[in-house]
Protein backbone atom coordinates (compact mmCIF):
# COMPACT_ATOMS: atom_id res chain seq x y z
CA VAL A 1 0.14 -0.08 -0.28
CA GLN A 2 1.53 3.38 -1.29
CA VAL A 3 0.25 6.74 0.49
CA VAL A 4 1.82 9.51 -1.32
CA GLU A 5 0.97 13.15 -0.66
CA SER A 6 1.79 16.21 -2.75
CA GLY A 7 0.42 19.38 -3.28
CA GLY A 8 1.99 21.78 -0.17
CA GLY A 9 4.11 25.04 -0.19
CA SER A 10 4.10 28.46 0.91
CA VAL A 11 1.71 31.16 0.60
CA ALA A 12 0.82 34.23 2.07
CA PRO A 13 -1.80 34.95 4.38
CA GLY A 14 -5.52 34.48 1.98
CA GLY A 15 -4.23 31.96 0.20
CA SER A 16 -4.77 28.66 -1.78
CA LEU A 17 -3.86 25.31 -1.85
CA ARG A 18 -4.75 22.39 -3.11
CA LEU A 19 -3.14 18.78 -1.62
CA THR A 20 -3.47 15.37 -3.76
CA CYS A 21 -3.06 12.59 -2.38
CA ARG A 22 -2.51 8.88 -4.58
CA VAL A 23 -2.90 5.81 -3.49
CA SER A 24 -2.31 2.77 -4.53
CA GLY A 25 -2.53 -1.40 -3.16
CA ILE A 26 -6.01 -0.77 -1.77
CA THR A 27 -9.59 -0.91 -3.21
CA PHE A 28 -9.60 2.48 -2.77
CA SER A 29 -13.41 3.15 -3.78
CA GLY A 30 -13.84 0.75 -0.58
CA TYR A 31 -13.01 2.72 1.68
CA PRO A 32 -13.53 6.57 3.69
CA MET A 33 -10.42 9.43 3.27
CA SER A 34 -8.77 12.02 5.51
CA TRP A 35 -6.63 14.08 6.34
CA TYR A 36 -4.76 15.20 9.40
CA ARG A 37 -2.32 17.68 9.77
CA GLN A 38 0.65 18.21 12.29
CA ALA A 39 2.47 21.07 13.30
CA SER A 40 5.35 21.69 15.23
CA GLU A 41 5.09 20.54 18.42
CA LYS A 42 1.24 19.92 18.17
CA GLY A 43 -0.31 16.53 17.85
CA ARG A 44 -2.13 15.23 15.36
CA GLU A 45 -5.48 17.48 14.48
CA LEU A 46 -8.29 15.48 12.01
CA VAL A 47 -8.98 18.21 9.09
CA ALA A 48 -11.59 16.26 7.23
CA HIS A 49 -13.56 13.29 5.84
CA ILE A 50 -14.95 11.61 3.02
CA MET A 51 -17.28 9.15 2.98
CA SER A 52 -16.67 6.10 0.46
CA ALA A 53 -19.74 5.24 -1.12
CA SER A 54 -22.20 8.82 -0.44
CA ASN A 55 -18.93 10.62 -0.34
CA LEU A 56 -20.72 12.47 2.51
CA THR A 57 -17.48 15.29 4.24
CA GLU A 58 -16.93 16.33 7.28
CA TYR A 59 -14.51 18.83 8.89
CA ALA A 60 -12.73 20.07 11.84
CA GLU A 61 -14.33 23.31 13.22
CA SER A 62 -11.18 25.19 12.39
CA VAL A 63 -10.94 24.78 8.87
CA LYS A 64 -14.88 24.50 7.75
CA GLY A 65 -16.09 27.38 5.69
CA ARG A 66 -11.99 27.26 4.15
CA PHE A 67 -11.14 23.83 3.38
CA THR A 68 -12.95 21.43 1.40
CA ILE A 69 -12.23 17.58 0.58
CA SER A 70 -12.74 16.11 -2.17
CA ARG A 71 -12.35 12.32 -4.56
CA ASP A 72 -11.74 10.61 -7.58
CA ASN A 73 -12.31 7.29 -7.69
CA SER A 74 -11.64 6.33 -11.02
CA LYS A 75 -7.61 7.97 -10.57
CA ASN A 76 -7.26 7.12 -6.88
CA GLU A 77 -7.12 10.04 -5.55
CA VAL A 78 -8.17 12.48 -2.61
CA TYR A 79 -7.28 16.28 -2.46
CA LEU A 80 -7.97 18.95 -0.30
CA GLN A 81 -8.95 22.08 -1.64
CA MET A 82 -7.75 24.64 1.25
CA ASN A 83 -8.61 28.64 1.04
CA ASN A 84 -8.38 32.07 2.73
CA LEU A 85 -5.14 29.86 5.14
CA GLN A 86 -4.10 31.49 7.53
CA PRO A 87 -0.27 31.87 9.47
CA GLU A 88 -2.39 28.85 12.04
CA ASP A 89 -3.32 26.28 9.29
CA THR A 90 0.83 25.80 8.40
CA ALA A 91 1.55 22.56 9.78
CA VAL A 92 2.23 19.05 7.68
CA TYR A 93 -0.15 17.42 6.08
CA HIS A 94 -1.28 13.45 5.89
CA CYS A 95 -3.33 11.59 3.70
CA ASN A 96 -4.64 8.78 5.54
CA ILE A 97 -6.45 5.94 4.60
CA GLY A 98 -10.12 5.56 6.89
CA ILE A 99 -10.77 8.29 9.82
CA PRO A 100 -8.64 6.78 12.95
CA TRP A 101 -5.34 7.43 12.10
CA GLY A 102 -3.18 4.24 11.17
CA TYR A 103 -1.74 4.73 7.90
CA GLY A 104 -0.66 7.62 6.50
CA GLY A 105 1.94 9.17 4.37
CA GLN A 106 4.35 10.53 4.90
CA GLY A 107 3.02 14.28 4.05
CA THR A 108 3.48 17.56 2.42
CA GLN A 109 4.31 20.74 3.83
CA VAL A 110 2.01 24.14 4.02
CA THR A 111 3.43 26.77 5.88
CA VAL A 112 1.49 30.38 5.46
CA SER A 113 3.81 33.69 6.44
CA SER A 114 3.96 36.74 5.06
């Protein structure tokens, strides 16, 4: 099983980024997927998740209205569109198979600063 994130970078406050996660080695369409983030010296935080069949989504309060999770089962990919980024969004973002943390990728760094 492979989980590979991409799309991180450095942006100014108010900017946008789109993260992509490509998964291989599983029947992707059968699994919920989630995005977590971990800032320096902080614990891991569940940012958003998306169900497998219904595509229902849920978000952490801190990102509601700014982030959107989506998936393309034909490509085995899940995305995180992040708008109006703020310095407190700075973290390493990890894609994870399922909702409880258990099988995540190496992550992609997102840095928001002026």
